[in-house]
Amino acid sequence: MITRPNHVPERLGLLAASAMDPFLTEQLITGEQVHGGVDLAKVVEPLPEDDARWAVEPLRGLVEDAMFEFREDRTRADAWLAPRIHATLRLTRREAADKRLWNHLALAVAPDYVAWRHLLGATANRPEPRIAPERFRGAADRQCFSRLWWAAELFRNGPDYEPVETACGNQQLLHTALRLELADHRPSAQAMVQLLKTGRVTAAREIDGLCVAISAAGATLIYDVIGPDISKDPARMRRWVAEAESAPPVGRHSLPQGPDEDPVPEKSVAALAACFEDLFVTAPVRGRKSAD
């Protein structure tokens, strides 16, 4: 397994996808050898030096702790790391939508974590272990770190990251829900988490069936009418971002606090959870026996 590069930058930067090609070598993709880091730094666009958010050291500390703590079960690292990445790297959605930031984090700062978390074992059709390149520079729901940040952003309940742990603890929900526009509706996201908590849906096939049913019904049902949300105050998010310089390091054994925003109305979550549960009853779930 590869180790961290010899040269790890002190600050995050912006790395264009086209500039990554020479460094996504066969040796890296197979988890055998990492780049040195010095040449990569030459093609990185720097971010403002007066912004504390771009410091690399807190992020390196998190990924190293995750690799140690979850060495026996790598998938569990997602639920632990997602809220802490979000609380450490305090981004606006506009900033988080810039893939160049995630490219740099994955390839320059923590390629060893990408390999540790996403190196796939050999199969009959793939004779050697490999890391899918999209884990370094892929879409938001596939890239190693952006998927965690966006999951935390969509599933947090105001400042409470506990629903994020639940959502990211289920790989199928994490993989599927990030592709749904519905996940950006806060009461709907919390309703899906509620069904997980109650055990109403658990298996991967059930998650798939539920998401298909919710998406299909969304053409005729207006979820923000069934479960209305309250208006968000953008000033609270701006204040949270601005406080990054004075914020203490996130805890390892307790969840951090997110932006000081109002939580989702409980009545809306309950209404949508009931609606989704009704949809799930008739959802096409592979392998589920039909009711008599």
Protein backbone atom coordinates (compact mmCIF):
# COMPACT_ATOMS: atom_id res chain seq x y z
CA MET A 1 0.00 0.00 0.00
CA ILE A 2 1.28 3.46 -0.88
CA THR A 3 2.25 5.98 1.78
CA ARG A 4 1.85 9.75 1.89
CA PRO A 5 3.87 11.69 -0.72
CA ASN A 6 7.33 12.87 0.28
CA HIS A 7 6.15 16.42 -0.25
CA VAL A 8 2.74 17.26 1.22
CA PRO A 9 1.71 20.90 0.72
CA GLU A 10 0.99 23.06 3.73
CA ARG A 11 -2.12 24.55 2.15
CA LEU A 12 -4.90 23.40 -0.13
CA GLY A 13 -4.98 24.61 -3.70
CA LEU A 14 -6.89 24.16 -6.92
CA LEU A 15 -5.83 21.37 -9.26
CA ALA A 16 -7.39 21.10 -12.71
CA ALA A 17 -8.40 17.61 -13.84
CA SER A 18 -6.34 17.95 -17.02
CA ALA A 19 -3.20 18.60 -14.95
CA MET A 20 -3.67 15.36 -13.01
CA ASP A 21 -3.06 12.95 -15.89
CA PRO A 22 0.76 12.67 -15.58
CA PHE A 23 0.40 11.84 -11.89
CA LEU A 24 -2.37 9.25 -12.13
CA THR A 25 0.16 6.62 -13.07
CA GLU A 26 -0.36 2.89 -13.25
CA GLN A 27 1.75 2.56 -10.11
CA LEU A 28 -0.58 4.91 -8.24
CA ILE A 29 -3.80 3.37 -9.57
CA THR A 30 -2.62 -0.07 -8.48
CA GLY A 31 -1.61 1.24 -5.06
CA GLU A 32 2.08 0.44 -5.51
CA GLN A 33 3.84 3.81 -5.61
CA VAL A 34 2.79 7.40 -4.95
CA HIS A 35 4.14 10.48 -6.71
CA GLY A 36 6.77 12.57 -4.94
CA GLY A 37 4.61 15.68 -4.77
CA VAL A 38 7.16 18.31 -5.79
CA ASP A 39 6.34 18.31 -9.51
CA LEU A 40 2.62 18.24 -8.77
CA ALA A 41 2.91 21.44 -6.76
CA LYS A 42 4.03 23.26 -9.91
CA VAL A 43 0.61 22.88 -11.57
CA VAL A 44 -1.52 23.86 -8.56
CA GLU A 45 -3.31 27.20 -8.35
CA PRO A 46 -2.86 28.64 -4.85
CA LEU A 47 -5.71 29.78 -2.64
CA PRO A 48 -5.61 32.96 -0.50
CA GLU A 49 -2.98 32.59 2.21
CA ASP A 50 -4.93 34.66 4.73
CA ASP A 51 -7.75 32.09 4.93
CA ALA A 52 -7.25 29.57 7.75
CA ARG A 53 -9.54 27.05 6.07
CA TRP A 54 -6.91 26.01 3.57
CA ALA A 55 -4.46 24.63 6.14
CA VAL A 56 -3.64 21.01 5.35
CA GLU A 57 -2.46 19.85 8.78
CA PRO A 58 -5.97 19.41 10.30
CA LEU A 59 -7.08 17.37 7.29
CA ARG A 60 -3.99 15.18 7.36
CA GLY A 61 -4.62 14.55 11.04
CA LEU A 62 -8.16 13.42 10.35
CA VAL A 63 -7.33 10.99 7.56
CA GLU A 64 -4.43 9.49 9.49
CA ASP A 65 -6.62 8.97 12.54
CA ALA A 66 -9.32 7.41 10.36
CA MET A 67 -6.87 4.97 8.77
CA PHE A 68 -5.68 3.88 12.20
CA GLU A 69 -9.07 3.71 13.92
CA PHE A 70 -10.89 1.83 11.15
CA ARG A 71 -8.08 -0.38 9.88
CA GLU A 72 -10.27 -3.46 10.47
CA ASP A 73 -13.29 -2.09 8.58
CA ARG A 74 -12.52 0.70 6.12
CA THR A 75 -16.14 1.40 5.16
CA ARG A 76 -16.88 2.57 8.72
CA ALA A 77 -14.51 5.46 8.18
CA ASP A 78 -17.09 7.24 6.01
CA ALA A 79 -19.53 7.84 8.86
CA TRP A 80 -16.75 9.07 11.14
CA LEU A 81 -14.93 11.25 8.63
CA ALA A 82 -17.84 12.92 6.80
CA PRO A 83 -19.01 15.25 9.61
CA ARG A 84 -15.44 16.02 10.64
CA ILE A 85 -14.34 16.90 7.09
CA HIS A 86 -17.38 19.15 6.80
CA ALA A 87 -16.76 20.88 10.12
CA THR A 88 -13.03 21.27 9.50
CA LEU A 89 -13.23 22.43 5.89
CA ARG A 90 -15.91 25.08 6.26
CA LEU A 91 -17.03 25.67 2.70
CA THR A 92 -19.91 27.39 1.04
CA ARG A 93 -21.76 25.26 -1.49
CA ARG A 94 -20.28 27.36 -4.27
CA GLU A 95 -16.77 26.58 -3.05
CA ALA A 96 -17.58 22.89 -2.57
CA ALA A 97 -18.83 22.69 -6.17
CA ASP A 98 -15.31 23.48 -7.44
CA LYS A 99 -13.91 20.04 -8.25
CA ARG A 100 -10.38 21.42 -8.39
CA LEU A 101 -10.31 21.71 -4.61
CA TRP A 102 -11.22 18.04 -4.16
CA ASN A 103 -8.75 17.03 -6.87
CA HIS A 104 -5.96 18.65 -4.89
CA LEU A 105 -7.02 17.17 -1.58
CA ALA A 106 -7.16 13.67 -3.05
CA LEU A 107 -4.03 13.67 -5.17
CA ALA A 108 -1.66 16.08 -3.43
CA VAL A 109 -2.67 15.91 0.23
CA ALA A 110 -4.05 12.43 0.89
CA PRO A 111 -3.59 9.95 -1.97
CA ASP A 112 -2.65 7.36 0.63
CA TYR A 113 -6.11 7.69 2.17
CA VAL A 114 -7.77 7.34 -1.25
CA ALA A 115 -5.80 4.13 -1.81
CA TRP A 116 -6.53 2.83 1.69
CA ARG A 117 -10.25 3.47 1.39
CA HIS A 118 -10.93 2.65 -2.26
CA LEU A 119 -8.36 0.12 -3.47
CA LEU A 120 -10.41 -2.70 -4.97
CA GLY A 121 -9.18 -6.27 -4.71
CA ALA A 122 -8.27 -8.42 -7.67
CA THR A 123 -11.03 -10.34 -9.45
CA ALA A 124 -11.23 -12.81 -12.32
CA ASN A 125 -11.72 -9.94 -14.76
CA ARG A 126 -9.26 -7.63 -12.99
CA PRO A 127 -6.08 -9.54 -12.13
CA GLU A 128 -4.60 -6.88 -9.86
CA PRO A 129 -5.97 -4.47 -7.25
CA ARG A 130 -6.92 -1.04 -8.60
CA ILE A 131 -8.25 2.35 -7.50
CA ALA A 132 -10.94 3.76 -9.77
CA PRO A 133 -9.58 7.09 -11.13
CA GLU A 134 -12.88 8.81 -10.30
CA ARG A 135 -11.98 8.46 -6.63
CA PHE A 136 -9.35 11.10 -7.32
CA ARG A 137 -11.19 13.36 -9.77
CA GLY A 138 -14.71 12.07 -10.29
CA ALA A 139 -18.24 13.35 -9.83
CA ALA A 140 -19.37 14.63 -6.45
CA ASP A 141 -20.97 11.31 -5.53
CA ARG A 142 -17.85 9.30 -6.44
CA GLN A 143 -14.79 11.39 -5.56
CA CYS A 144 -13.27 10.22 -2.29
CA PHE A 145 -13.66 13.42 -0.29
CA SER A 146 -16.36 15.43 -2.05
CA ARG A 147 -18.85 12.59 -1.52
CA LEU A 148 -18.30 12.84 2.23
CA TRP A 149 -18.56 16.63 2.37
CA TRP A 150 -21.77 16.69 0.33
CA ALA A 151 -23.28 13.85 2.35
CA ALA A 152 -22.63 15.85 5.51
CA GLU A 153 -24.08 18.98 3.96
CA LEU A 154 -27.26 17.26 2.76
CA PHE A 155 -27.94 15.05 5.77
CA ARG A 156 -26.99 17.31 8.69
CA ASN A 157 -29.97 18.63 10.64
CA GLY A 158 -28.93 22.21 11.19
CA PRO A 159 -25.85 21.99 13.46
CA ASP A 160 -26.51 18.31 14.28
CA TYR A 161 -24.32 15.81 12.42
CA GLU A 162 -25.87 12.72 14.01
CA PRO A 163 -28.06 12.03 10.93
CA VAL A 164 -24.91 12.18 8.82
CA GLU A 165 -23.43 9.27 10.77
CA THR A 166 -26.57 7.26 10.11
CA ALA A 167 -26.69 8.09 6.40
CA CYS A 168 -22.99 7.49 5.80
CA GLY A 169 -23.10 4.29 7.81
CA ASN A 170 -25.19 2.79 5.02
CA GLN A 171 -23.10 2.55 1.87
CA GLN A 172 -26.09 2.10 -0.40
CA LEU A 173 -27.83 5.23 0.85
CA LEU A 174 -24.59 7.19 0.64
CA HIS A 175 -24.06 6.00 -2.92
CA THR A 176 -27.64 6.41 -4.13
CA ALA A 177 -29.07 9.40 -2.29
CA LEU A 178 -26.33 11.78 -3.42
CA ARG A 179 -27.64 11.34 -6.96
CA LEU A 180 -31.16 12.37 -6.00
CA GLU A 181 -32.16 16.01 -6.30
CA LEU A 182 -34.63 15.20 -3.55
CA ALA A 183 -31.78 14.90 -1.03
CA ASP A 184 -31.40 18.68 -1.22
CA HIS A 185 -34.85 18.99 0.37
CA ARG A 186 -33.97 18.86 4.05
CA PRO A 187 -37.18 17.23 5.36
CA SER A 188 -36.92 14.51 2.69
CA ALA A 189 -33.30 13.79 3.60
CA GLN A 190 -34.20 13.53 7.27
CA ALA A 191 -37.19 11.31 6.47
CA MET A 192 -34.92 8.84 4.67
CA VAL A 193 -32.61 8.81 7.67
CA GLN A 194 -35.62 8.22 9.92
CA LEU A 195 -36.57 5.10 7.95
CA LEU A 196 -33.03 3.81 8.43
CA LYS A 197 -33.09 4.51 12.16
CA THR A 198 -36.37 2.66 12.66
CA GLY A 199 -35.12 -0.30 10.65
CA ARG A 200 -37.91 0.05 8.11
CA VAL A 201 -35.36 -0.08 5.31
CA THR A 202 -31.91 -1.55 5.80
CA ALA A 203 -30.76 -3.80 2.96
CA ALA A 204 -29.14 -2.40 -0.18
CA ARG A 205 -31.99 -3.65 -2.35
CA GLU A 206 -34.50 -1.93 -0.08
CA ILE A 207 -32.61 1.36 -0.27
CA ASP A 208 -32.57 1.12 -4.06
CA GLY A 209 -36.26 0.32 -4.19
CA LEU A 210 -37.11 3.18 -1.84
CA CYS A 211 -35.11 5.72 -3.83
CA VAL A 212 -36.66 4.57 -7.10
CA ALA A 213 -40.14 4.83 -5.61
CA ILE A 214 -39.50 8.27 -4.14
CA SER A 215 -38.10 9.58 -7.42
CA ALA A 216 -40.94 8.17 -9.48
CA ALA A 217 -43.64 9.49 -7.16
CA GLY A 218 -41.97 12.87 -7.13
CA ALA A 219 -43.44 13.52 -10.55
CA THR A 220 -46.91 13.71 -9.01
CA LEU A 221 -46.31 14.36 -5.31
CA ILE A 222 -44.93 17.69 -4.14
CA TYR A 223 -42.75 16.78 -1.20
CA ASP A 224 -42.13 20.33 -0.08
CA VAL A 225 -45.90 20.70 0.33
CA ILE A 226 -46.24 17.44 2.27
CA GLY A 227 -43.25 18.31 4.45
CA PRO A 228 -42.44 22.01 4.21
CA ASP A 229 -39.10 23.34 5.38
CA ILE A 230 -38.36 26.70 6.95
CA SER A 231 -36.33 29.36 5.21
CA LYS A 232 -32.59 29.26 5.81
CA ASP A 233 -30.71 32.37 6.83
CA PRO A 234 -27.56 32.53 4.66
CA ALA A 235 -25.95 34.88 7.18
CA ARG A 236 -25.61 31.99 9.63
CA MET A 237 -23.60 29.95 7.14
CA ARG A 238 -21.40 32.94 6.31
CA ARG A 239 -20.77 33.49 10.02
CA TRP A 240 -19.85 29.83 10.51
CA VAL A 241 -17.39 30.00 7.62
CA ALA A 242 -15.88 33.20 8.97
CA GLU A 243 -15.34 31.61 12.38
CA ALA A 244 -13.04 28.94 10.92
CA GLU A 245 -9.90 30.78 12.01
CA SER A 246 -10.84 30.68 15.69
CA ALA A 247 -12.56 27.27 15.68
CA PRO A 248 -10.90 24.54 17.77
CA PRO A 249 -9.93 21.20 16.17
CA VAL A 250 -12.86 18.83 15.79
CA GLY A 251 -13.19 16.15 18.42
CA ARG A 252 -12.26 12.57 17.70
CA HIS A 253 -14.70 10.98 20.15
CA SER A 254 -17.64 13.37 19.94
CA LEU A 255 -19.37 14.94 16.98
CA PRO A 256 -18.57 18.54 16.08
CA GLN A 257 -21.19 21.24 15.71
CA GLY A 258 -22.21 22.41 12.28
CA PRO A 259 -23.58 25.79 11.21
CA ASP A 260 -25.98 27.35 13.70
CA GLU A 261 -29.05 26.86 11.51
CA ASP A 262 -32.56 25.92 12.58
CA PRO A 263 -33.28 22.18 12.46
CA VAL A 264 -35.87 20.67 10.15
CA PRO A 265 -39.46 20.86 11.45
CA GLU A 266 -40.25 17.55 13.15
CA LYS A 267 -43.79 17.50 11.75
CA SER A 268 -42.43 17.69 8.22
CA VAL A 269 -40.03 14.80 8.83
CA ALA A 270 -42.82 12.68 10.32
CA ALA A 271 -45.18 13.42 7.42
CA LEU A 272 -42.60 12.54 4.80
CA ALA A 273 -41.38 9.45 6.65
CA ALA A 274 -44.98 8.16 6.64
CA CYS A 275 -45.32 9.04 2.96
CA PHE A 276 -42.06 7.31 2.04
CA GLU A 277 -42.99 4.25 4.08
CA ASP A 278 -46.25 3.96 2.15
CA LEU A 279 -44.33 4.23 -1.11
CA PHE A 280 -41.89 1.59 0.06
CA VAL A 281 -44.68 -0.96 0.57
CA THR A 282 -45.24 -1.12 -3.18
CA ALA A 283 -41.69 -0.31 -4.25
CA PRO A 284 -40.02 -2.78 -6.63
CA VAL A 285 -37.49 -4.50 -4.37
CA ARG A 286 -35.58 -7.32 -6.03
CA GLY A 287 -35.99 -10.56 -4.12
CA ARG A 288 -38.90 -9.38 -1.97
CA LYS A 289 -41.93 -11.63 -1.98
CA SER A 290 -45.18 -10.06 -3.04
CA ALA A 291 -47.87 -9.68 -0.42
CA ASP A 292 -50.79 -12.09 -0.70
